[in-house]
Amino acid sequence: MQIQLDDIRYIEGLKDYVKIYTEQSPRPILSLMNMKAIEQMLPESRFIRVHRSFIVQKSKIREIERNRIVFGDVYIPIGDSYKQAFMDFINAK
């Protein structure tokens, strides 16, 4: 199954699988792949890892609340080890 990069909102890692959340589908797409592998496939200019278990598309970030990114009723935490890179990205906008 082909997924358009523009359609991806965020990706959640679950051990050896990833859940890809898209704009078009109410349910995530499950893929047998780990976070490191998918992170290396995604263009760094468009995606940022914000937590051990989450990668988000930079252009889809609309709301940040405390140490979390908000996608509607979903809250994605910003991990301590990823916070500096995320803040650098936000400040460079």
PDB file of N, CA and C in Angstrom:
ATOM      1  N   MET A   1       0.841  -1.192   0.000  1.00  0.00           N
ATOM      2  CA  MET A   1       0.000   0.000   0.000  1.00  0.00           C
ATOM      3  C   MET A   1       0.878   1.245   0.000  1.00  0.00           C
ATOM      4  N   GLN A   2       0.590   2.145  -0.915  1.00  0.00           N
ATOM      5  CA  GLN A   2       1.340   3.397  -1.013  1.00  0.00           C
ATOM      6  C   GLN A   2       0.667   4.466  -0.159  1.00  0.00           C
ATOM      7  N   ILE A   3       1.484   5.185   0.595  1.00  0.00           N
ATOM      8  CA  ILE A   3       0.975   6.289   1.411  1.00  0.00           C
ATOM      9  C   ILE A   3       1.696   7.548   0.946  1.00  0.00           C
ATOM     10  N   GLN A   4       0.930   8.580   0.651  1.00  0.00           N
ATOM     11  CA  GLN A   4       1.519   9.855   0.253  1.00  0.00           C
ATOM     12  C   GLN A   4       2.116  10.537   1.490  1.00  0.00           C
ATOM     13  N   LEU A   5       3.320  11.066   1.378  1.00  0.00           N
ATOM     14  CA  LEU A   5       3.962  11.749   2.504  1.00  0.00           C
ATOM     15  C   LEU A   5       3.106  12.902   3.008  1.00  0.00           C
ATOM     16  N   ASP A   6       2.470  13.633   2.089  1.00  0.00           N
ATOM     17  CA  ASP A   6       1.632  14.773   2.477  1.00  0.00           C
ATOM     18  C   ASP A   6       0.469  14.362   3.370  1.00  0.00           C
ATOM     19  N   ASP A   7       0.060  13.111   3.263  1.00  0.00           N
ATOM     20  CA  ASP A   7      -1.107  12.617   3.980  1.00  0.00           C
ATOM     21  C   ASP A   7      -0.789  12.202   5.423  1.00  0.00           C
ATOM     22  N   ILE A   8       0.479  11.973   5.725  1.00  0.00           N
ATOM     23  CA  ILE A   8       0.864  11.485   7.061  1.00  0.00           C
ATOM     24  C   ILE A   8       0.803  12.616   8.085  1.00  0.00           C
ATOM     25  N   ARG A   9       0.095  12.373   9.198  1.00  0.00           N
ATOM     26  CA  ARG A   9       0.068  13.338  10.298  1.00  0.00           C
ATOM     27  C   ARG A   9       1.182  12.993  11.283  1.00  0.00           C
ATOM     28  N   TYR A  10       1.129  11.745  11.789  1.00  0.00           N
ATOM     29  CA  TYR A  10       2.165  11.290  12.708  1.00  0.00           C
ATOM     30  C   TYR A  10       2.266   9.777  12.674  1.00  0.00           C
ATOM     31  N   ILE A  11       3.352   9.280  13.262  1.00  0.00           N
ATOM     32  CA  ILE A  11       3.634   7.853  13.291  1.00  0.00           C
ATOM     33  C   ILE A  11       3.909   7.462  14.735  1.00  0.00           C
ATOM     34  N   GLU A  12       3.311   6.365  15.143  1.00  0.00           N
ATOM     35  CA  GLU A  12       3.495   5.858  16.502  1.00  0.00           C
ATOM     36  C   GLU A  12       4.185   4.508  16.437  1.00  0.00           C
ATOM     37  N   GLY A  13       5.231   4.339  17.232  1.00  0.00           N
ATOM     38  CA  GLY A  13       5.964   3.082  17.261  1.00  0.00           C
ATOM     39  C   GLY A  13       5.442   2.139  18.325  1.00  0.00           C
ATOM     40  N   LEU A  14       5.349   0.856  17.969  1.00  0.00           N
ATOM     41  CA  LEU A  14       4.913  -0.203  18.890  1.00  0.00           C
ATOM     42  C   LEU A  14       5.836  -1.403  18.702  1.00  0.00           C
ATOM     43  N   LYS A  15       6.940  -1.433  19.410  1.00  0.00           N
ATOM     44  CA  LYS A  15       7.948  -2.494  19.281  1.00  0.00           C
ATOM     45  C   LYS A  15       8.364  -2.673  17.826  1.00  0.00           C
ATOM     46  N   ASP A  16       7.950  -3.763  17.177  1.00  0.00           N
ATOM     47  CA  ASP A  16       8.377  -4.039  15.802  1.00  0.00           C
ATOM     48  C   ASP A  16       7.401  -3.529  14.747  1.00  0.00           C
ATOM     49  N   TYR A  17       6.417  -2.789  15.178  1.00  0.00           N
ATOM     50  CA  TYR A  17       5.421  -2.244  14.257  1.00  0.00           C
ATOM     51  C   TYR A  17       5.361  -0.733  14.379  1.00  0.00           C
ATOM     52  N   VAL A  18       4.815  -0.096  13.346  1.00  0.00           N
ATOM     53  CA  VAL A  18       4.501   1.325  13.437  1.00  0.00           C
ATOM     54  C   VAL A  18       3.050   1.508  12.993  1.00  0.00           C
ATOM     55  N   LYS A  19       2.390   2.468  13.634  1.00  0.00           N
ATOM     56  CA  LYS A  19       1.042   2.873  13.227  1.00  0.00           C
ATOM     57  C   LYS A  19       1.199   4.216  12.539  1.00  0.00           C
ATOM     58  N   ILE A  20       0.732   4.279  11.292  1.00  0.00           N
ATOM     59  CA  ILE A  20       0.831   5.511  10.520  1.00  0.00           C
ATOM     60  C   ILE A  20      -0.547   6.164  10.485  1.00  0.00           C
ATOM     61  N   TYR A  21      -0.639   7.333  11.081  1.00  0.00           N
ATOM     62  CA  TYR A  21      -1.905   8.074  11.132  1.00  0.00           C
ATOM     63  C   TYR A  21      -1.924   9.079   9.992  1.00  0.00           C
ATOM     64  N   THR A  22      -2.969   9.018   9.179  1.00  0.00           N
ATOM     65  CA  THR A  22      -3.052   9.884   8.011  1.00  0.00           C
ATOM     66  C   THR A  22      -4.246  10.826   8.114  1.00  0.00           C
ATOM     67  N   GLU A  23      -4.263  11.803   7.231  1.00  0.00           N
ATOM     68  CA  GLU A  23      -5.367  12.767   7.191  1.00  0.00           C
ATOM     69  C   GLU A  23      -6.648  12.094   6.688  1.00  0.00           C
ATOM     70  N   GLN A  24      -6.507  11.175   5.747  1.00  0.00           N
ATOM     71  CA  GLN A  24      -7.654  10.603   5.053  1.00  0.00           C
ATOM     72  C   GLN A  24      -8.358   9.481   5.800  1.00  0.00           C
ATOM     73  N   SER A  25      -7.608   8.701   6.569  1.00  0.00           N
ATOM     74  CA  SER A  25      -8.182   7.511   7.188  1.00  0.00           C
ATOM     75  C   SER A  25      -8.421   7.709   8.685  1.00  0.00           C
ATOM     76  N   PRO A  26      -9.609   7.324   9.174  1.00  0.00           N
ATOM     77  CA  PRO A  26      -9.878   7.447  10.611  1.00  0.00           C
ATOM     78  C   PRO A  26      -9.100   6.415  11.426  1.00  0.00           C
ATOM     79  N   ARG A  27      -8.636   5.354  10.763  1.00  0.00           N
ATOM     80  CA  ARG A  27      -7.874   4.313  11.452  1.00  0.00           C
ATOM     81  C   ARG A  27      -6.428   4.330  10.967  1.00  0.00           C
ATOM     82  N   PRO A  28      -5.491   4.032  11.863  1.00  0.00           N
ATOM     83  CA  PRO A  28      -4.085   4.026  11.446  1.00  0.00           C
ATOM     84  C   PRO A  28      -3.763   2.830  10.561  1.00  0.00           C
ATOM     85  N   ILE A  29      -2.708   2.982   9.790  1.00  0.00           N
ATOM     86  CA  ILE A  29      -2.202   1.899   8.958  1.00  0.00           C
ATOM     87  C   ILE A  29      -1.078   1.238   9.744  1.00  0.00           C
ATOM     88  N   LEU A  30      -1.156  -0.067   9.916  1.00  0.00           N
ATOM     89  CA  LEU A  30      -0.166  -0.817  10.691  1.00  0.00           C
ATOM     90  C   LEU A  30       0.866  -1.404   9.741  1.00  0.00           C
ATOM     91  N   SER A  31       2.140  -1.243  10.079  1.00  0.00           N
ATOM     92  CA  SER A  31       3.200  -1.748   9.220  1.00  0.00           C
ATOM     93  C   SER A  31       4.261  -2.436  10.072  1.00  0.00           C
ATOM     94  N   LEU A  32       4.774  -3.554   9.570  1.00  0.00           N
ATOM     95  CA  LEU A  32       5.826  -4.283  10.265  1.00  0.00           C
ATOM     96  C   LEU A  32       7.161  -3.602   9.974  1.00  0.00           C
ATOM     97  N   MET A  33       7.523  -2.692  10.861  1.00  0.00           N
ATOM     98  CA  MET A  33       8.741  -1.903  10.697  1.00  0.00           C
ATOM     99  C   MET A  33       9.014  -1.219  12.035  1.00  0.00           C
ATOM    100  N   ASN A  34      10.271  -1.046  12.378  1.00  0.00           N
ATOM    101  CA  ASN A  34      10.542  -0.342  13.635  1.00  0.00           C
ATOM    102  C   ASN A  34      10.744   1.153  13.375  1.00  0.00           C
ATOM    103  N   MET A  35      10.762   1.908  14.465  1.00  0.00           N
ATOM    104  CA  MET A  35      10.844   3.374  14.357  1.00  0.00           C
ATOM    105  C   MET A  35      12.133   3.830  13.685  1.00  0.00           C
ATOM    106  N   LYS A  36      13.225   3.190  14.000  1.00  0.00           N
ATOM    107  CA  LYS A  36      14.512   3.590  13.417  1.00  0.00           C
ATOM    108  C   LYS A  36      14.483   3.445  11.899  1.00  0.00           C
ATOM    109  N   ALA A  37      13.918   2.339  11.416  1.00  0.00           N
ATOM    110  CA  ALA A  37      13.864   2.093   9.968  1.00  0.00           C
ATOM    111  C   ALA A  37      12.980   3.125   9.271  1.00  0.00           C
ATOM    112  N   ILE A  38      11.822   3.400   9.836  1.00  0.00           N
ATOM    113  CA  ILE A  38      10.924   4.361   9.171  1.00  0.00           C
ATOM    114  C   ILE A  38      11.469   5.784   9.284  1.00  0.00           C
ATOM    115  N   GLU A  39      12.130   6.079  10.388  1.00  0.00           N
ATOM    116  CA  GLU A  39      12.726   7.419  10.547  1.00  0.00           C
ATOM    117  C   GLU A  39      13.778   7.665   9.473  1.00  0.00           C
ATOM    118  N   GLN A  40      14.541   6.636   9.142  1.00  0.00           N
ATOM    119  CA  GLN A  40      15.584   6.779   8.114  1.00  0.00           C
ATOM    120  C   GLN A  40      14.989   6.920   6.713  1.00  0.00           C
ATOM    121  N   MET A  41      13.774   6.407   6.505  1.00  0.00           N
ATOM    122  CA  MET A  41      13.118   6.503   5.198  1.00  0.00           C
ATOM    123  C   MET A  41      12.470   7.865   4.961  1.00  0.00           C
ATOM    124  N   LEU A  42      12.085   8.535   6.040  1.00  0.00           N
ATOM    125  CA  LEU A  42      11.366   9.802   5.925  1.00  0.00           C
ATOM    126  C   LEU A  42      12.325  10.974   5.730  1.00  0.00           C
ATOM    127  N   PRO A  43      11.947  11.944   4.903  1.00  0.00           N
ATOM    128  CA  PRO A  43      12.814  13.118   4.723  1.00  0.00           C
ATOM    129  C   PRO A  43      12.887  13.957   6.005  1.00  0.00           C
ATOM    130  N   GLU A  44      14.097  14.210   6.447  1.00  0.00           N
ATOM    131  CA  GLU A  44      14.317  14.960   7.693  1.00  0.00           C
ATOM    132  C   GLU A  44      13.764  16.380   7.604  1.00  0.00           C
ATOM    133  N   SER A  45      13.680  16.891   6.394  1.00  0.00           N
ATOM    134  CA  SER A  45      13.162  18.251   6.215  1.00  0.00           C
ATOM    135  C   SER A  45      11.667  18.345   6.521  1.00  0.00           C
ATOM    136  N   ARG A  46      10.967  17.208   6.478  1.00  0.00           N
ATOM    137  CA  ARG A  46       9.509  17.220   6.665  1.00  0.00           C
ATOM    138  C   ARG A  46       9.026  16.558   7.948  1.00  0.00           C
ATOM    139  N   PHE A  47       9.848  15.686   8.525  1.00  0.00           N
ATOM    140  CA  PHE A  47       9.424  14.941   9.709  1.00  0.00           C
ATOM    141  C   PHE A  47      10.409  15.132  10.852  1.00  0.00           C
ATOM    142  N   ILE A  48       9.884  15.099  12.080  1.00  0.00           N
ATOM    143  CA  ILE A  48      10.746  15.244  13.248  1.00  0.00           C
ATOM    144  C   ILE A  48      10.322  14.234  14.302  1.00  0.00           C
ATOM    145  N   ARG A  49      11.320  13.588  14.888  1.00  0.00           N
ATOM    146  CA  ARG A  49      11.036  12.650  15.969  1.00  0.00           C
ATOM    147  C   ARG A  49      10.944  13.452  17.259  1.00  0.00           C
ATOM    148  N   VAL A  50       9.830  13.303  17.965  1.00  0.00           N
ATOM    149  CA  VAL A  50       9.596  14.118  19.158  1.00  0.00           C
ATOM    150  C   VAL A  50       9.556  13.269  20.428  1.00  0.00           C
ATOM    151  N   HIS A  51       9.610  11.954  20.243  1.00  0.00           N
ATOM    152  CA  HIS A  51       9.504  11.036  21.386  1.00  0.00           C
ATOM    153  C   HIS A  51      10.028   9.689  20.918  1.00  0.00           C
ATOM    154  N   ARG A  52      10.382   8.857  21.850  1.00  0.00           N
ATOM    155  CA  ARG A  52      10.855   7.510  21.526  1.00  0.00           C
ATOM    156  C   ARG A  52       9.837   6.777  20.651  1.00  0.00           C
ATOM    157  N   SER A  53       8.562   7.084  20.851  1.00  0.00           N
ATOM    158  CA  SER A  53       7.490   6.377  20.142  1.00  0.00           C
ATOM    159  C   SER A  53       6.744   7.204  19.095  1.00  0.00           C
ATOM    160  N   PHE A  54       7.190   8.439  18.822  1.00  0.00           N
ATOM    161  CA  PHE A  54       6.426   9.280  17.889  1.00  0.00           C
ATOM    162  C   PHE A  54       7.315  10.087  16.936  1.00  0.00           C
ATOM    163  N   ILE A  55       6.872  10.122  15.676  1.00  0.00           N
ATOM    164  CA  ILE A  55       7.441  10.994  14.647  1.00  0.00           C
ATOM    165  C   ILE A  55       6.262  11.790  14.095  1.00  0.00           C
ATOM    166  N   VAL A  56       6.424  13.097  13.947  1.00  0.00           N
ATOM    167  CA  VAL A  56       5.325  13.907  13.412  1.00  0.00           C
ATOM    168  C   VAL A  56       5.774  14.648  12.156  1.00  0.00           C
ATOM    169  N   GLN A  57       4.800  14.930  11.287  1.00  0.00           N
ATOM    170  CA  GLN A  57       5.080  15.742  10.110  1.00  0.00           C
ATOM    171  C   GLN A  57       5.087  17.204  10.562  1.00  0.00           C
ATOM    172  N   LYS A  58       6.172  17.883  10.314  1.00  0.00           N
ATOM    173  CA  LYS A  58       6.352  19.254  10.796  1.00  0.00           C
ATOM    174  C   LYS A  58       5.228  20.182  10.357  1.00  0.00           C
ATOM    175  N   SER A  59       4.801  20.064   9.111  1.00  0.00           N
ATOM    176  CA  SER A  59       3.787  20.986   8.584  1.00  0.00           C
ATOM    177  C   SER A  59       2.400  20.747   9.182  1.00  0.00           C
ATOM    178  N   LYS A  60       2.199  19.616   9.856  1.00  0.00           N
ATOM    179  CA  LYS A  60       0.886  19.304  10.431  1.00  0.00           C
ATOM    180  C   LYS A  60       0.751  19.795  11.871  1.00  0.00           C
ATOM    181  N   ILE A  61       1.842  20.284  12.456  1.00  0.00           N
ATOM    182  CA  ILE A  61       1.801  20.761  13.837  1.00  0.00           C
ATOM    183  C   ILE A  61       1.077  22.107  13.863  1.00  0.00           C
ATOM    184  N   ARG A  62      -0.045  22.143  14.556  1.00  0.00           N
ATOM    185  CA  ARG A  62      -0.833  23.371  14.652  1.00  0.00           C
ATOM    186  C   ARG A  62      -0.894  23.885  16.088  1.00  0.00           C
ATOM    187  N   GLU A  63      -0.837  22.967  17.042  1.00  0.00           N
ATOM    188  CA  GLU A  63      -1.025  23.359  18.439  1.00  0.00           C
ATOM    189  C   GLU A  63      -0.035  22.606  19.331  1.00  0.00           C
ATOM    190  N   ILE A  64       0.611  23.370  20.208  1.00  0.00           N
ATOM    191  CA  ILE A  64       1.525  22.790  21.189  1.00  0.00           C
ATOM    192  C   ILE A  64       1.047  23.241  22.556  1.00  0.00           C
ATOM    193  N   GLU A  65       0.848  22.287  23.430  1.00  0.00           N
ATOM    194  CA  GLU A  65       0.347  22.584  24.773  1.00  0.00           C
ATOM    195  C   GLU A  65       1.315  21.966  25.775  1.00  0.00           C
ATOM    196  N   ARG A  66       1.918  22.799  26.587  1.00  0.00           N
ATOM    197  CA  ARG A  66       2.950  22.360  27.530  1.00  0.00           C
ATOM    198  C   ARG A  66       3.996  21.545  26.774  1.00  0.00           C
ATOM    199  N   ASN A  67       4.226  20.308  27.151  1.00  0.00           N
ATOM    200  CA  ASN A  67       5.220  19.473  26.465  1.00  0.00           C
ATOM    201  C   ASN A  67       4.553  18.449  25.567  1.00  0.00           C
ATOM    202  N   ARG A  68       3.473  18.890  24.883  1.00  0.00           N
ATOM    203  CA  ARG A  68       2.741  17.960  24.028  1.00  0.00           C
ATOM    204  C   ARG A  68       2.316  18.647  22.733  1.00  0.00           C
ATOM    205  N   ILE A  69       2.214  17.841  21.697  1.00  0.00           N
ATOM    206  CA  ILE A  69       1.669  18.315  20.427  1.00  0.00           C
ATOM    207  C   ILE A  69       0.234  17.824  20.385  1.00  0.00           C
ATOM    208  N   VAL A  70      -0.682  18.698  19.995  1.00  0.00           N
ATOM    209  CA  VAL A  70      -2.103  18.356  19.998  1.00  0.00           C
ATOM    210  C   VAL A  70      -2.596  18.160  18.567  1.00  0.00           C
ATOM    211  N   PHE A  71      -3.177  16.987  18.314  1.00  0.00           N
ATOM    212  CA  PHE A  71      -3.861  16.694  17.047  1.00  0.00           C
ATOM    213  C   PHE A  71      -5.301  16.373  17.415  1.00  0.00           C
ATOM    214  N   GLY A  72      -6.153  17.375  17.470  1.00  0.00           N
ATOM    215  CA  GLY A  72      -7.541  17.139  17.867  1.00  0.00           C
ATOM    216  C   GLY A  72      -7.607  16.665  19.302  1.00  0.00           C
ATOM    217  N   ASP A  73      -8.066  15.439  19.509  1.00  0.00           N
ATOM    218  CA  ASP A  73      -8.149  14.899  20.867  1.00  0.00           C
ATOM    219  C   ASP A  73      -6.980  13.966  21.190  1.00  0.00           C
ATOM    220  N   VAL A  74      -5.953  13.996  20.367  1.00  0.00           N
ATOM    221  CA  VAL A  74      -4.758  13.171  20.581  1.00  0.00           C
ATOM    222  C   VAL A  74      -3.617  14.066  21.052  1.00  0.00           C
ATOM    223  N   TYR A  75      -2.974  13.639  22.126  1.00  0.00           N
ATOM    224  CA  TYR A  75      -1.826  14.377  22.666  1.00  0.00           C
ATOM    225  C   TYR A  75      -0.564  13.552  22.477  1.00  0.00           C
ATOM    226  N   ILE A  76       0.421  14.124  21.805  1.00  0.00           N
ATOM    227  CA  ILE A  76       1.686  13.436  21.570  1.00  0.00           C
ATOM    228  C   ILE A  76       2.736  14.070  22.471  1.00  0.00           C
ATOM    229  N   PRO A  77       3.320  13.288  23.361  1.00  0.00           N
ATOM    230  CA  PRO A  77       4.315  13.856  24.277  1.00  0.00           C
ATOM    231  C   PRO A  77       5.613  14.198  23.555  1.00  0.00           C
ATOM    232  N   ILE A  78       6.296  15.205  24.067  1.00  0.00           N
ATOM    233  CA  ILE A  78       7.622  15.554  23.562  1.00  0.00           C
ATOM    234  C   ILE A  78       8.614  15.032  24.595  1.00  0.00           C
ATOM    235  N   GLY A  79       9.391  14.035  24.208  1.00  0.00           N
ATOM    236  CA  GLY A  79      10.336  13.400  25.127  1.00  0.00           C
ATOM    237  C   GLY A  79      11.501  14.312  25.467  1.00  0.00           C
ATOM    238  N   ASP A  80      12.030  14.147  26.664  1.00  0.00           N
ATOM    239  CA  ASP A  80      13.140  14.982  27.135  1.00  0.00           C
ATOM    240  C   ASP A  80      14.339  14.954  26.192  1.00  0.00           C
ATOM    241  N   SER A  81      14.681  13.774  25.672  1.00  0.00           N
ATOM    242  CA  SER A  81      15.868  13.673  24.819  1.00  0.00           C
ATOM    243  C   SER A  81      15.632  14.256  23.423  1.00  0.00           C
ATOM    244  N   TYR A  82      14.385  14.551  23.071  1.00  0.00           N
ATOM    245  CA  TYR A  82      14.064  15.130  21.763  1.00  0.00           C
ATOM    246  C   TYR A  82      13.663  16.600  21.868  1.00  0.00           C
ATOM    247  N   LYS A  83      13.538  17.095  23.103  1.00  0.00           N
ATOM    248  CA  LYS A  83      13.010  18.435  23.333  1.00  0.00           C
ATOM    249  C   LYS A  83      13.867  19.534  22.698  1.00  0.00           C
ATOM    250  N   GLN A  84      15.181  19.446  22.815  1.00  0.00           N
ATOM    251  CA  GLN A  84      16.041  20.505  22.289  1.00  0.00           C
ATOM    252  C   GLN A  84      15.929  20.610  20.772  1.00  0.00           C
ATOM    253  N   ALA A  85      15.956  19.487  20.077  1.00  0.00           N
ATOM    254  CA  ALA A  85      15.825  19.503  18.613  1.00  0.00           C
ATOM    255  C   ALA A  85      14.458  20.054  18.208  1.00  0.00           C
ATOM    256  N   PHE A  86      13.433  19.703  18.969  1.00  0.00           N
ATOM    257  CA  PHE A  86      12.086  20.199  18.662  1.00  0.00           C
ATOM    258  C   PHE A  86      12.001  21.700  18.881  1.00  0.00           C
ATOM    259  N   MET A  87      12.569  22.179  19.978  1.00  0.00           N
ATOM    260  CA  MET A  87      12.559  23.620  20.255  1.00  0.00           C
ATOM    261  C   MET A  87      13.354  24.382  19.193  1.00  0.00           C
ATOM    262  N   ASP A  88      14.457  23.818  18.741  1.00  0.00           N
ATOM    263  CA  ASP A  88      15.236  24.445  17.678  1.00  0.00           C
ATOM    264  C   ASP A  88      14.388  24.573  16.406  1.00  0.00           C
ATOM    265  N   PHE A  89      13.634  23.515  16.090  1.00  0.00           N
ATOM    266  CA  PHE A  89      12.752  23.539  14.917  1.00  0.00           C
ATOM    267  C   PHE A  89      11.677  24.613  15.074  1.00  0.00           C
ATOM    268  N   ILE A  90      11.029  24.662  16.237  1.00  0.00           N
ATOM    269  CA  ILE A  90       9.958  25.637  16.492  1.00  0.00           C
ATOM    270  C   ILE A  90      10.494  27.063  16.401  1.00  0.00           C
ATOM    271  N   ASN A  91      11.652  27.299  17.009  1.00  0.00           N
ATOM    272  CA  ASN A  91      12.231  28.643  17.014  1.00  0.00           C
ATOM    273  C   ASN A  91      12.731  29.078  15.630  1.00  0.00           C
ATOM    274  N   ALA A  92      13.002  28.112  14.764  1.00  0.00           N
ATOM    275  CA  ALA A  92      13.495  28.433  13.422  1.00  0.00           C
ATOM    276  C   ALA A  92      12.353  28.737  12.458  1.00  0.00           C
ATOM    277  N   LYS A  93      11.124  28.466  12.864  1.00  0.00           N
ATOM    278  CA  LYS A  93       9.952  28.688  12.001  1.00  0.00           C
ATOM    279  C   LYS A  93       9.786  30.146  11.671  1.00  0.00           C
TER     280      LYS A  93
END
